[in-house]
């Protein structure tokens, strides 16, 4: 091969090819076409990528970096070509797990296609990093390239996937038949199967902690759990999970249930189980969820227990809802919470990580026009967006396994929960986008009016336990930490290992992972940046649950005899936990 052509011309061609392909990728991810245009099997719901519908800014490159990238690419592709014509085995085995099976190494054509793909992927990501522009433009380019490369991997195509071909031959075509069956099943259910969903049943082998529904309205059911100790703390404990998911992520199995753990520690425990919205809730907004759900749940727990103050916990969006509700109550002169725990929650939306690329004036106005006055955001649309934040792990891995190899994914309770999506009322969603992710109004005292009250987090003057996960891609650790800068009460911040879910659901008995605390800083003095806090923090093996439990007991009051029945005279048992609402499918 002759690579002595004019390099300036080659660099220009490389730039033009990259930009043209990038624009094509962004168009495909703009939500105007079904996933089939972006490599996804047709019939699957579109991702919520409306931000890409707007005209993309002109993309330029640093000339010196572009020349270096081109030179590196030509050298590497020359070396790869020379290795391939010498002998297929001369190409090093790929370390990428998508191509690590023996079949890829044994098939020279597949081995070369994998090596070529990986070289192209590295080069394209280098080009993405060389793009000149503002931070959001660069992030959008990186994201589009990542999606493009994830979708175009040779492992995703039967004609190139040596491992799938080998399995088809060995099974005499049975794997292909099973793959087609799996594809038809997933098209019918509307999402890619991540686990064998037929194995699980809510209330039978997930969400099994014993309890009862003691209140319900059109927004939520309130669950009370049976005490596991002879005495309980006098201040009850209310958990507010995210309304974009089912509550049972906190109660998957007895050995990894945060709910059961709280009960076993002697807390009289209540949990909000959100209703999965249908068309009757299409007009509900953020105010409704604060007034008729979070605030109402607090009131009912107080009525049932007779407690003047209760301990509270909010997880993810549930933490945002809880903090907003407490701010509204503070503006009304009420202080019902003795403490609050915020798990991987945003109050300050300055650092939203990769999700920032979806949010701008155009995308927010689009959602407001589409559903700001009514409508539903389908749960599967939102779930697809979150899955494509990690496309190789949460999308293409299952496309290859289910359809090309004809495999049935093994049972996994967390992935069953992950596939059990929920809808959101359009007005709620539109308000949330503008006032949190886009304008970040919750941390601006008096800027936002909720339930007739100006929101000021500075009035939520209670002890707060703030937890963030180090590798969280939904609520980055800096975003979780930022809450320490806006809540005036005595605070404790803890960082756990792993991500948004695995970091939270980490029971002590598993003896896995680790967490960090910092008791070296002056009392309640938190530096502005999480990185500064981490410099003097100490790492501890195991689960953060024990640290949190010790902290919560310090705010729970004295111990009293455990109740012998659920609810109260006013709030009688409606049905056994986990209740009807959590079983409704989107």
Protein backbone atom coordinates (compact mmCIF):
# COMPACT_ATOMS: atom_id res chain seq x y z
CA UNK A 1 0.00 0.00 0.00
CA UNK A 2 1.26 3.50 -0.88
CA UNK A 3 0.71 6.07 1.88
CA UNK A 4 2.92 8.82 0.42
CA UNK A 5 -0.03 10.87 -0.88
CA UNK A 6 -0.46 14.47 0.10
CA UNK A 7 -1.11 14.37 3.83
CA UNK A 8 -2.82 17.72 3.94
CA UNK A 9 -5.38 16.47 1.44
CA UNK A 10 -5.78 13.24 3.37
CA UNK A 11 -6.31 15.21 6.59
CA UNK A 12 -8.98 17.30 4.89
CA UNK A 13 -10.72 14.17 3.64
CA UNK A 14 -10.57 12.64 7.10
CA UNK A 15 -12.13 15.75 8.62
CA UNK A 16 -14.89 15.89 5.99
CA UNK A 17 -15.67 12.19 6.41
CA UNK A 18 -15.80 12.50 10.19
CA UNK A 19 -18.07 15.54 10.15
CA UNK A 20 -20.41 13.98 7.58
CA UNK A 21 -20.65 10.78 9.59
CA UNK A 22 -21.12 12.69 12.82
CA UNK A 23 -23.97 14.72 11.35
CA UNK A 24 -25.57 11.50 10.15
CA UNK A 25 -25.22 9.99 13.61
CA UNK A 26 -26.73 13.06 15.27
CA UNK A 27 -29.64 13.02 12.83
CA UNK A 28 -30.26 9.36 13.58
CA UNK A 29 -30.25 10.06 17.31
CA UNK A 30 -32.57 13.06 16.99
CA UNK A 31 -35.68 11.08 17.76
CA UNK A 32 -37.34 11.74 14.40
CA UNK A 33 -36.75 8.19 13.19
CA UNK A 34 -37.12 4.82 14.92
CA UNK A 35 -34.04 3.07 16.15
CA UNK A 36 -33.81 1.08 12.95
CA UNK A 37 -32.03 4.07 11.39
CA UNK A 38 -29.32 3.90 14.03
CA UNK A 39 -28.71 0.17 13.98
CA UNK A 40 -31.38 -0.79 16.53
CA UNK A 41 -33.93 -3.45 15.61
CA UNK A 42 -37.01 -1.70 14.17
CA UNK A 43 -40.01 -1.32 16.42
CA UNK A 44 -38.16 -0.21 19.52
CA UNK A 45 -39.16 3.15 21.05
CA UNK A 46 -37.02 6.22 20.29
CA UNK A 47 -34.61 7.60 22.86
CA UNK A 48 -35.36 10.99 24.38
CA UNK A 49 -32.65 12.75 22.37
CA UNK A 50 -34.66 15.72 21.19
CA UNK A 51 -31.72 18.00 21.98
CA UNK A 52 -30.08 16.76 18.79
CA UNK A 53 -32.98 17.99 16.65
CA UNK A 54 -31.60 21.49 16.60
CA UNK A 55 -29.04 22.53 13.99
CA UNK A 56 -25.62 21.45 15.17
CA UNK A 57 -22.89 24.09 15.41
CA UNK A 58 -20.07 24.03 12.89
CA UNK A 59 -17.37 21.59 13.92
CA UNK A 60 -13.72 22.56 13.61
CA UNK A 61 -10.45 20.92 14.60
CA UNK A 62 -7.09 21.94 15.90
CA UNK A 63 -4.93 21.56 12.78
CA UNK A 64 -1.85 20.23 14.60
CA UNK A 65 -3.84 17.60 16.48
CA UNK A 66 -5.63 16.59 13.30
CA UNK A 67 -2.32 16.05 11.50
CA UNK A 68 -1.01 13.97 14.41
CA UNK A 69 -4.17 11.86 14.50
CA UNK A 70 -3.94 11.29 10.75
CA UNK A 71 -0.28 10.31 10.98
CA UNK A 72 -0.94 7.89 13.84
CA UNK A 73 -3.86 6.37 11.95
CA UNK A 74 -1.87 5.83 8.75
CA UNK A 75 0.97 4.22 10.69
CA UNK A 76 -1.36 1.90 12.59
CA UNK A 77 -3.45 0.92 9.60
CA UNK A 78 -0.28 0.16 7.64
CA UNK A 79 0.97 -2.06 10.44
CA UNK A 80 -2.40 -3.79 10.68
CA UNK A 81 -2.51 -4.41 6.93
CA UNK A 82 1.02 -5.82 6.93
CA UNK A 83 0.15 -8.15 9.82
CA UNK A 84 -2.95 -9.38 8.01
CA UNK A 85 -1.18 -10.23 4.74
CA UNK A 86 1.63 -12.01 6.56
CA UNK A 87 -0.67 -14.28 8.53
CA UNK A 88 -3.95 -13.77 10.29
CA UNK A 89 -2.43 -14.94 13.55
CA UNK A 90 0.04 -12.05 13.43
CA UNK A 91 -2.74 -9.69 14.49
CA UNK A 92 -2.76 -9.52 18.31
CA UNK A 93 -5.84 -10.90 20.03
CA UNK A 94 -8.29 -8.18 21.00
CA UNK A 95 -8.55 -7.38 24.70
CA UNK A 96 -12.05 -5.93 24.24
CA UNK A 97 -14.43 -8.49 25.74
CA UNK A 98 -16.75 -8.23 22.73
CA UNK A 99 -14.02 -9.90 20.65
CA UNK A 100 -12.19 -11.95 23.26
CA UNK A 101 -13.82 -15.34 22.58
CA UNK A 102 -11.65 -18.00 20.94
CA UNK A 103 -13.80 -17.97 17.79
CA UNK A 104 -12.73 -14.41 16.99
CA UNK A 105 -9.08 -15.35 17.24
CA UNK A 106 -9.52 -18.50 15.13
CA UNK A 107 -11.25 -16.73 12.23
CA UNK A 108 -8.79 -14.48 10.32
CA UNK A 109 -11.56 -12.43 8.67
CA UNK A 110 -13.36 -11.79 11.95
CA UNK A 111 -10.10 -11.09 13.72
CA UNK A 112 -9.15 -8.52 11.09
CA UNK A 113 -12.62 -6.90 11.18
CA UNK A 114 -12.41 -6.59 14.98
CA UNK A 115 -8.90 -5.12 14.85
CA UNK A 116 -9.93 -2.67 12.12
CA UNK A 117 -13.02 -1.64 14.06
CA UNK A 118 -11.04 -1.02 17.25
CA UNK A 119 -8.49 1.06 15.35
CA UNK A 120 -11.24 3.12 13.73
CA UNK A 121 -12.97 3.54 17.09
CA UNK A 122 -9.79 4.85 18.72
CA UNK A 123 -9.20 7.23 15.84
CA UNK A 124 -12.76 8.54 15.85
CA UNK A 125 -12.63 9.14 19.59
CA UNK A 126 -9.34 10.99 19.11
CA UNK A 127 -11.06 13.13 16.47
CA UNK A 128 -13.93 13.76 18.88
CA UNK A 129 -11.45 14.92 21.51
CA UNK A 130 -9.83 17.22 18.93
CA UNK A 131 -13.06 19.05 18.16
CA UNK A 132 -12.90 22.76 18.98
CA UNK A 133 -15.92 24.28 20.67
CA UNK A 134 -17.67 24.82 23.98
CA UNK A 135 -17.88 22.05 26.55
CA UNK A 136 -21.43 21.02 25.65
CA UNK A 137 -20.64 20.77 21.93
CA UNK A 138 -17.59 18.62 22.66
CA UNK A 139 -19.63 16.40 25.01
CA UNK A 140 -22.34 15.96 22.39
CA UNK A 141 -19.77 15.01 19.77
CA UNK A 142 -18.19 12.45 22.10
CA UNK A 143 -21.59 10.99 22.95
CA UNK A 144 -22.66 10.76 19.29
CA UNK A 145 -19.38 9.08 18.33
CA UNK A 146 -19.67 6.62 21.23
CA UNK A 147 -23.21 5.69 20.14
CA UNK A 148 -22.13 5.42 16.52
CA UNK A 149 -19.22 3.14 17.32
CA UNK A 150 -21.21 1.02 19.76
CA UNK A 151 -23.88 0.42 17.12
CA UNK A 152 -21.43 -0.33 14.31
CA UNK A 153 -19.30 -2.93 16.11
CA UNK A 154 -18.83 -6.09 14.01
CA UNK A 155 -20.01 -8.13 16.99
CA UNK A 156 -23.52 -6.73 16.39
CA UNK A 157 -23.85 -8.39 12.98
CA UNK A 158 -24.23 -12.12 12.35
CA UNK A 159 -22.23 -11.89 9.13
CA UNK A 160 -19.19 -10.69 11.11
CA UNK A 161 -19.67 -12.22 14.56
CA UNK A 162 -17.47 -15.31 14.57
CA UNK A 163 -18.69 -16.42 17.99
CA UNK A 164 -22.35 -16.34 16.91
CA UNK A 165 -21.49 -18.12 13.65
CA UNK A 166 -19.69 -20.88 15.51
CA UNK A 167 -22.64 -21.35 17.83
CA UNK A 168 -25.04 -21.52 14.88
CA UNK A 169 -22.93 -24.25 13.25
CA UNK A 170 -22.53 -26.25 16.45
CA UNK A 171 -26.27 -26.03 17.24
CA UNK A 172 -27.24 -26.87 13.64
CA UNK A 173 -29.04 -23.53 13.35
CA UNK A 174 -30.98 -23.88 16.61
CA UNK A 175 -29.38 -20.73 18.05
CA UNK A 176 -30.59 -18.70 15.05
CA UNK A 177 -34.13 -19.99 15.55
CA UNK A 178 -34.03 -19.11 19.24
CA UNK A 179 -32.62 -15.69 18.36
CA UNK A 180 -35.52 -14.97 16.02
CA UNK A 181 -37.95 -16.12 18.71
CA UNK A 182 -36.26 -13.83 21.25
CA UNK A 183 -36.40 -10.90 18.83
CA UNK A 184 -40.13 -11.37 18.20
CA UNK A 185 -40.74 -11.62 21.95
CA UNK A 186 -38.82 -8.40 22.65
CA UNK A 187 -40.54 -6.56 19.81
CA UNK A 188 -43.88 -7.53 21.35
CA UNK A 189 -42.94 -6.44 24.88
CA UNK A 190 -41.28 -3.23 23.61
CA UNK A 191 -37.82 -3.55 25.10
CA UNK A 192 -34.70 -5.68 24.96
CA UNK A 193 -34.76 -8.42 27.60
CA UNK A 194 -31.92 -8.01 30.09
CA UNK A 195 -32.99 -10.94 32.25
CA UNK A 196 -35.47 -13.79 32.28
CA UNK A 197 -38.43 -11.73 33.43
CA UNK A 198 -40.69 -14.80 33.66
CA UNK A 199 -38.81 -15.92 36.79
CA UNK A 200 -39.85 -12.92 38.90
CA UNK A 201 -43.14 -11.89 40.46
CA UNK A 202 -43.54 -8.80 42.63
CA UNK A 203 -44.58 -9.85 46.12
CA UNK A 204 -43.46 -13.44 45.60
CA UNK A 205 -39.69 -13.29 45.08
CA UNK A 206 -39.02 -9.53 44.93
CA UNK A 207 -40.50 -6.89 47.26
CA UNK A 208 -41.25 -9.50 49.91
CA UNK A 209 -40.65 -7.65 53.20
CA UNK A 210 -43.81 -8.14 55.26
CA UNK A 211 -46.05 -5.11 55.62
CA UNK A 212 -49.34 -3.49 54.67
CA UNK A 213 -50.79 -0.60 52.70
CA UNK A 214 -52.18 1.88 55.24
CA UNK A 215 -53.07 4.80 52.94
CA UNK A 216 -53.59 5.48 49.27
CA UNK A 217 -54.62 8.28 46.95
CA UNK A 218 -54.27 8.80 43.22
CA UNK A 219 -50.51 9.45 43.56
CA UNK A 220 -49.17 6.81 45.92
CA UNK A 221 -49.75 4.04 48.39
CA UNK A 222 -48.12 4.27 51.80
CA UNK A 223 -46.62 1.00 53.01
CA UNK A 224 -45.93 0.24 56.67
CA UNK A 225 -43.63 -2.66 57.49
CA UNK A 226 -43.95 -5.19 60.28
CA UNK A 227 -41.39 -4.60 63.08
CA UNK A 228 -38.63 -7.18 63.41
CA UNK A 229 -37.65 -6.02 66.89
CA UNK A 230 -39.53 -5.93 70.20
CA UNK A 231 -38.88 -2.20 70.49
CA UNK A 232 -38.75 0.53 67.88
CA UNK A 233 -37.46 4.07 67.94
CA UNK A 234 -40.09 6.65 68.78
CA UNK A 235 -39.47 8.66 65.62
CA UNK A 236 -40.75 6.76 62.58
CA UNK A 237 -38.85 6.53 59.32
CA UNK A 238 -40.27 7.46 55.89
CA UNK A 239 -38.57 6.55 52.58
CA UNK A 240 -39.38 8.45 49.38
CA UNK A 241 -38.02 6.51 46.36
CA UNK A 242 -37.76 7.97 42.85
CA UNK A 243 -41.06 8.22 40.99
CA UNK A 244 -39.32 7.33 37.72
CA UNK A 245 -38.80 3.78 39.02
CA UNK A 246 -40.59 1.24 41.22
CA UNK A 247 -39.82 1.42 44.95
CA UNK A 248 -38.68 -2.19 45.24
CA UNK A 249 -35.12 -1.40 44.22
CA UNK A 250 -34.96 -0.82 47.98
CA UNK A 251 -36.51 -4.26 48.64
CA UNK A 252 -35.25 -6.70 46.01
CA UNK A 253 -34.36 -9.68 48.20
CA UNK A 254 -34.25 -10.12 52.00
CA UNK A 255 -30.44 -10.11 51.99
CA UNK A 256 -30.05 -6.87 50.00
CA UNK A 257 -33.13 -4.93 51.10
CA UNK A 258 -32.46 -1.48 52.54
CA UNK A 259 -36.06 -1.45 53.75
CA UNK A 260 -35.67 -4.70 55.66
CA UNK A 261 -32.33 -3.48 57.03
CA UNK A 262 -33.97 -0.31 58.41
CA UNK A 263 -36.73 -2.40 60.00
CA UNK A 264 -34.17 -4.78 61.53
CA UNK A 265 -32.36 -1.80 63.07
CA UNK A 266 -35.50 -0.92 65.04
CA UNK A 267 -37.08 1.78 62.88
CA UNK A 268 -40.84 1.88 62.36
CA UNK A 269 -40.58 2.07 58.60
CA UNK A 270 -42.93 3.55 55.97
CA UNK A 271 -42.35 3.70 52.21
CA UNK A 272 -44.01 5.63 49.39
CA UNK A 273 -45.05 3.33 46.55
CA UNK A 274 -45.74 5.58 43.57
CA UNK A 275 -48.66 4.97 41.26
CA UNK A 276 -47.66 4.21 37.66
CA UNK A 277 -49.41 7.12 35.87
CA UNK A 278 -52.02 6.50 33.20
CA UNK A 279 -54.04 8.97 31.13
CA UNK A 280 -56.07 10.00 34.19
CA UNK A 281 -52.88 11.58 35.58
CA UNK A 282 -51.72 13.19 32.33
CA UNK A 283 -52.30 16.70 33.71
CA UNK A 284 -50.53 16.31 37.06
CA UNK A 285 -47.58 18.58 37.78
CA UNK A 286 -44.67 19.02 40.17
CA UNK A 287 -46.85 20.84 42.71
CA UNK A 288 -49.24 17.89 42.80
CA UNK A 289 -46.45 15.46 43.59
CA UNK A 290 -45.13 17.69 46.37
CA UNK A 291 -48.48 18.53 47.99
CA UNK A 292 -50.47 15.34 47.48
CA UNK A 293 -47.62 12.83 47.71
CA UNK A 294 -44.50 13.85 49.66
CA UNK A 295 -46.22 16.24 52.08
CA UNK A 296 -49.25 13.99 52.39
CA UNK A 297 -47.06 10.98 53.19
CA UNK A 298 -45.31 12.92 55.94
CA UNK A 299 -48.69 13.95 57.41
CA UNK A 300 -50.08 10.41 57.34
CA UNK A 301 -47.00 8.96 59.03
CA UNK A 302 -47.36 11.60 61.75
CA UNK A 303 -51.08 10.80 62.14
CA UNK A 304 -50.51 7.04 62.36
CA UNK A 305 -47.62 7.18 64.81
CA UNK A 306 -48.50 10.29 66.79
CA UNK A 307 -44.94 11.51 66.34
CA UNK A 308 -44.33 15.25 66.05
CA UNK A 309 -41.22 14.71 63.95
CA UNK A 310 -40.09 11.86 61.72
CA UNK A 311 -36.88 10.78 60.01
CA UNK A 312 -36.94 10.88 56.22
CA UNK A 313 -34.99 9.51 53.27
CA UNK A 314 -35.11 10.40 49.59
CA UNK A 315 -33.42 8.39 46.84
CA UNK A 316 -32.49 9.96 43.48
CA UNK A 317 -35.46 12.04 42.25
CA UNK A 318 -37.15 11.08 45.52
CA UNK A 319 -34.49 13.13 47.29
CA UNK A 320 -35.24 16.16 45.11
CA UNK A 321 -38.97 15.74 45.82
CA UNK A 322 -38.38 15.29 49.56
CA UNK A 323 -36.12 18.35 49.87
CA UNK A 324 -38.60 20.46 47.91
CA UNK A 325 -41.44 19.31 50.17
CA UNK A 326 -39.45 20.11 53.31
CA UNK A 327 -38.67 23.57 51.91
CA UNK A 328 -42.38 24.19 51.20
CA UNK A 329 -43.27 23.09 54.73
CA UNK A 330 -40.51 25.31 56.16
CA UNK A 331 -42.00 28.27 54.28
CA UNK A 332 -45.31 27.44 55.97
CA UNK A 333 -43.63 27.47 59.36
CA UNK A 334 -43.64 23.69 59.75
CA UNK A 335 -40.69 21.46 60.62
CA UNK A 336 -41.93 17.85 60.60
CA UNK A 337 -38.59 16.16 59.82
CA UNK A 338 -36.05 15.38 62.51
CA UNK A 339 -33.52 14.46 59.81
CA UNK A 340 -33.19 13.77 56.12
CA UNK A 341 -31.06 11.29 54.20
CA UNK A 342 -30.34 12.05 50.54
CA UNK A 343 -29.11 9.11 48.47
CA UNK A 344 -27.56 9.95 45.07
CA UNK A 345 -29.85 12.97 44.78
CA UNK A 346 -29.61 16.30 42.99
CA UNK A 347 -30.54 19.57 44.66
CA UNK A 348 -27.92 21.58 42.80
CA UNK A 349 -27.98 20.68 39.10
CA UNK A 350 -24.73 22.39 38.14
CA UNK A 351 -22.89 19.12 37.54
CA UNK A 352 -25.27 16.69 35.83
CA UNK A 353 -22.65 14.77 33.89
CA UNK A 354 -23.54 13.24 30.53
CA UNK A 355 -27.24 14.07 30.94
CA UNK A 356 -26.37 17.72 30.34
CA UNK A 357 -26.02 17.08 26.60
CA UNK A 358 -29.78 16.49 26.32
CA UNK A 359 -30.79 19.75 27.99
CA UNK A 360 -30.96 23.18 26.34
CA UNK A 361 -33.59 25.79 25.54
CA UNK A 362 -34.64 24.01 22.35
CA UNK A 363 -35.12 20.61 23.96
CA UNK A 364 -36.92 22.04 27.00
CA UNK A 365 -39.28 24.11 24.84
CA UNK A 366 -39.93 21.03 22.70
CA UNK A 367 -41.02 19.04 25.77
CA UNK A 368 -43.08 21.94 27.11
CA UNK A 369 -44.91 22.25 23.79
CA UNK A 370 -45.34 18.50 23.50
CA UNK A 371 -46.59 17.68 26.99
CA UNK A 372 -46.34 20.72 29.26
CA UNK A 373 -50.14 21.06 29.39
CA UNK A 374 -50.89 17.35 29.43
CA UNK A 375 -49.72 13.96 28.26
CA UNK A 376 -47.49 11.14 29.42
CA UNK A 377 -43.79 10.49 29.05
CA UNK A 378 -43.73 6.77 28.41
CA UNK A 379 -41.57 4.85 30.81
CA UNK A 380 -39.81 2.89 28.09
CA UNK A 381 -38.68 6.08 26.36
CA UNK A 382 -36.96 7.24 29.53
CA UNK A 383 -35.56 3.78 30.25
CA UNK A 384 -34.09 3.60 26.72
CA UNK A 385 -32.32 6.92 27.24
CA UNK A 386 -30.71 5.73 30.47
CA UNK A 387 -29.70 2.42 28.88
CA UNK A 388 -27.94 4.19 26.01
CA UNK A 389 -25.79 6.07 28.50
CA UNK A 390 -23.95 2.72 28.69
CA UNK A 391 -24.76 1.25 25.26
CA UNK A 392 -22.35 -1.67 25.17
CA UNK A 393 -23.32 -2.96 28.61
CA UNK A 394 -27.06 -2.22 28.64
CA UNK A 395 -28.07 -2.51 24.97
CA UNK A 396 -25.76 -4.23 22.49
CA UNK A 397 -24.59 -6.88 24.92
CA UNK A 398 -28.18 -8.14 25.06
CA UNK A 399 -28.85 -7.64 21.33
CA UNK A 400 -25.91 -9.93 20.58
CA UNK A 401 -26.72 -12.49 23.27
CA UNK A 402 -30.48 -12.63 22.76
CA UNK A 403 -30.72 -12.42 18.97
CA UNK A 404 -27.41 -13.48 17.40
CA UNK A 405 -26.57 -16.24 19.87
CA UNK A 406 -30.13 -17.20 20.82
CA UNK A 407 -29.39 -17.06 24.53
CA UNK A 408 -31.82 -16.37 27.34
CA UNK A 409 -30.24 -13.95 29.84
CA UNK A 410 -29.98 -15.41 33.36
CA UNK A 411 -32.35 -14.31 36.15
CA UNK A 412 -31.17 -11.14 37.89
CA UNK A 413 -33.48 -9.26 40.24
CA UNK A 414 -31.87 -5.85 39.70
CA UNK A 415 -32.20 -6.09 35.91
CA UNK A 416 -35.81 -7.23 36.29
CA UNK A 417 -36.46 -4.05 38.28
CA UNK A 418 -34.54 -2.02 35.71
CA UNK A 419 -36.89 -3.25 32.97
CA UNK A 420 -40.02 -2.52 35.01
CA UNK A 421 -40.45 1.05 33.79
CA UNK A 422 -42.86 3.76 34.90
CA UNK A 423 -44.58 6.62 33.10
CA UNK A 424 -44.39 10.27 34.12
CA UNK A 425 -47.06 12.97 33.75
CA UNK A 426 -46.01 15.40 31.02
CA UNK A 427 -46.48 18.64 33.03
CA UNK A 428 -44.46 17.16 35.91
CA UNK A 429 -41.65 16.22 33.52
CA UNK A 430 -41.64 19.55 31.65
CA UNK A 431 -41.49 21.53 34.93
CA UNK A 432 -38.71 19.29 36.20
CA UNK A 433 -36.59 19.75 33.06
CA UNK A 434 -36.78 23.54 33.07
CA UNK A 435 -36.51 24.24 36.78
CA UNK A 436 -33.84 21.71 37.68
CA UNK A 437 -31.63 20.47 34.85
CA UNK A 438 -31.87 23.61 32.71
CA UNK A 439 -32.29 26.62 35.01
CA UNK A 440 -31.17 25.05 38.33
CA UNK A 441 -33.75 27.06 40.21
CA UNK A 442 -34.08 24.99 43.39
CA UNK A 443 -30.80 26.35 44.78
CA UNK A 444 -31.75 29.96 44.04
CA UNK A 445 -33.59 31.16 47.19
CA UNK A 446 -37.08 32.36 46.34
CA UNK A 447 -36.68 31.78 42.59
CA UNK A 448 -39.09 28.85 42.40
CA UNK A 449 -42.66 28.87 43.70
CA UNK A 450 -44.02 25.44 44.60
CA UNK A 451 -47.43 24.87 46.17
CA UNK A 452 -47.76 28.63 46.60
CA UNK A 453 -44.50 28.95 48.55
CA UNK A 454 -41.12 30.34 47.54
CA UNK A 455 -38.58 27.55 47.80
CA UNK A 456 -35.53 28.28 49.95
CA UNK A 457 -33.41 25.26 50.85
CA UNK A 458 -31.65 27.47 53.35
CA UNK A 459 -34.71 27.11 55.58
CA UNK A 460 -34.43 23.32 55.71
CA UNK A 461 -32.37 23.53 58.89
CA UNK A 462 -32.20 19.89 59.97
CA UNK A 463 -29.45 17.25 60.22
CA UNK A 464 -28.79 15.72 56.79
CA UNK A 465 -26.91 12.61 55.69
CA UNK A 466 -25.77 13.03 52.08
CA UNK A 467 -24.58 9.98 50.15
CA UNK A 468 -23.03 9.87 46.67
CA UNK A 469 -21.60 7.02 44.58
CA UNK A 470 -18.11 7.48 43.15
CA UNK A 471 -18.83 6.04 39.67
CA UNK A 472 -22.41 7.29 39.36
CA UNK A 473 -23.20 8.29 35.75
CA UNK A 474 -26.72 9.56 36.54
CA UNK A 475 -25.98 11.69 39.62
CA UNK A 476 -22.22 12.35 39.40
CA UNK A 477 -20.43 12.42 42.73
CA UNK A 478 -19.90 16.18 42.43
CA UNK A 479 -23.63 16.69 41.90
CA UNK A 480 -24.50 14.65 44.99
CA UNK A 481 -21.87 16.44 47.07
CA UNK A 482 -23.16 19.88 46.01
CA UNK A 483 -26.11 19.50 48.40
CA UNK A 484 -23.71 20.18 51.27
CA UNK A 485 -23.36 23.74 50.00
CA UNK A 486 -27.06 24.59 50.24
CA UNK A 487 -28.46 22.92 53.37
CA UNK A 488 -27.67 24.82 56.59
CA UNK A 489 -28.12 22.04 59.16
CA UNK A 490 -25.47 19.71 60.52
CA UNK A 491 -24.38 17.49 57.64
CA UNK A 492 -22.52 14.28 57.05
CA UNK A 493 -21.29 13.39 53.57
CA UNK A 494 -20.32 9.85 52.63
CA UNK A 495 -19.03 8.55 49.31
CA UNK A 496 -19.52 4.92 48.35
CA UNK A 497 -17.78 2.85 45.68
CA UNK A 498 -19.51 1.80 42.44
CA UNK A 499 -22.45 3.39 40.63
CA UNK A 500 -25.95 4.79 40.98
CA UNK A 501 -27.61 1.54 42.04
CA UNK A 502 -24.84 -0.88 43.01
CA UNK A 503 -23.28 1.74 45.27
CA UNK A 504 -26.55 2.25 47.15
CA UNK A 505 -27.64 -1.38 47.33
CA UNK A 506 -24.59 -2.69 49.18
CA UNK A 507 -25.64 -4.61 52.30
CA UNK A 508 -23.06 -5.12 55.07
CA UNK A 509 -23.36 -8.91 55.03
CA UNK A 510 -21.91 -9.02 51.50
CA UNK A 511 -18.67 -7.40 52.71
CA UNK A 512 -18.17 -5.76 49.33
CA UNK A 513 -16.78 -2.45 48.13
CA UNK A 514 -15.87 0.42 50.44
CA UNK A 515 -16.88 3.93 51.45
CA UNK A 516 -15.22 7.21 52.42
CA UNK A 517 -15.87 9.60 55.29
CA UNK A 518 -14.11 12.76 56.43
CA UNK A 519 -14.03 13.61 60.12
CA UNK A 520 -10.89 15.74 59.81
CA UNK A 521 -12.57 18.91 58.54
CA UNK A 522 -13.90 21.55 60.96
CA UNK A 523 -17.45 20.86 62.11
CA UNK A 524 -19.93 21.36 59.27
CA UNK A 525 -17.32 23.04 57.08
CA UNK A 526 -17.46 21.53 53.62
CA UNK A 527 -15.14 22.79 50.86
CA UNK A 528 -16.87 23.88 47.67
CA UNK A 529 -15.52 20.98 45.59
CA UNK A 530 -15.90 17.27 46.35
CA UNK A 531 -12.31 16.71 45.20
CA UNK A 532 -11.08 18.91 48.06
CA UNK A 533 -13.22 16.97 50.55
CA UNK A 534 -11.77 13.70 49.26
CA UNK A 535 -8.14 14.78 49.84
CA UNK A 536 -8.46 14.33 53.60
CA UNK A 537 -11.15 11.61 53.56
CA UNK A 538 -10.60 8.10 54.94
CA UNK A 539 -11.56 4.88 53.16
CA UNK A 540 -13.36 2.10 55.04
CA UNK A 541 -13.96 -1.45 53.77
CA UNK A 542 -17.52 -2.70 53.39
CA UNK A 543 -20.90 -1.02 53.30
CA UNK A 544 -21.83 2.55 54.14
CA UNK A 545 -25.10 1.23 55.59
CA UNK A 546 -23.53 0.71 59.03
CA UNK A 547 -22.24 4.29 59.13
CA UNK A 548 -25.67 5.57 58.11
CA UNK A 549 -27.45 3.34 60.66
CA UNK A 550 -25.32 4.70 63.50
CA UNK A 551 -26.05 8.25 62.32
CA UNK A 552 -29.80 7.66 62.00
CA UNK A 553 -30.10 6.13 65.47
CA UNK A 554 -28.71 9.36 66.86
CA UNK A 555 -31.77 11.19 65.51
CA UNK A 556 -34.41 8.53 66.23
CA UNK A 557 -35.17 9.25 69.88
CA UNK A 558 -35.80 6.72 72.60
CA UNK A 559 -37.06 3.19 72.09
CA UNK A 560 -40.67 2.23 72.72
CA UNK A 561 -42.70 -0.97 72.40
CA UNK A 562 -43.21 -2.01 68.79
CA UNK A 563 -46.78 -1.61 67.49
CA UNK A 564 -48.82 -4.81 67.27
CA UNK A 565 -50.92 -3.71 64.31
CA UNK A 566 -50.52 -1.70 61.12
CA UNK A 567 -51.89 1.80 60.71
CA UNK A 568 -54.34 3.39 63.10
CA UNK A 569 -58.08 3.81 63.62
CA UNK A 570 -58.15 6.48 60.93
CA UNK A 571 -55.75 4.71 58.58
CA UNK A 572 -56.64 1.04 58.49
CA UNK A 573 -54.98 -1.72 56.52
CA UNK A 574 -56.07 -1.66 52.87
CA UNK A 575 -54.11 -4.66 51.59
CA UNK A 576 -50.87 -6.52 52.13
CA UNK A 577 -47.57 -5.06 50.98
CA UNK A 578 -46.28 -4.48 48.34
CA UNK A 579 -49.76 -3.35 47.26
CA UNK A 580 -51.44 -2.95 43.87
CA UNK A 581 -49.73 0.19 42.59
CA UNK A 582 -46.27 -1.33 42.22
CA UNK A 583 -47.63 -4.18 40.08
CA UNK A 584 -49.06 -1.91 37.37
CA UNK A 585 -47.02 -2.06 34.17
CA UNK A 586 -46.26 1.02 32.08
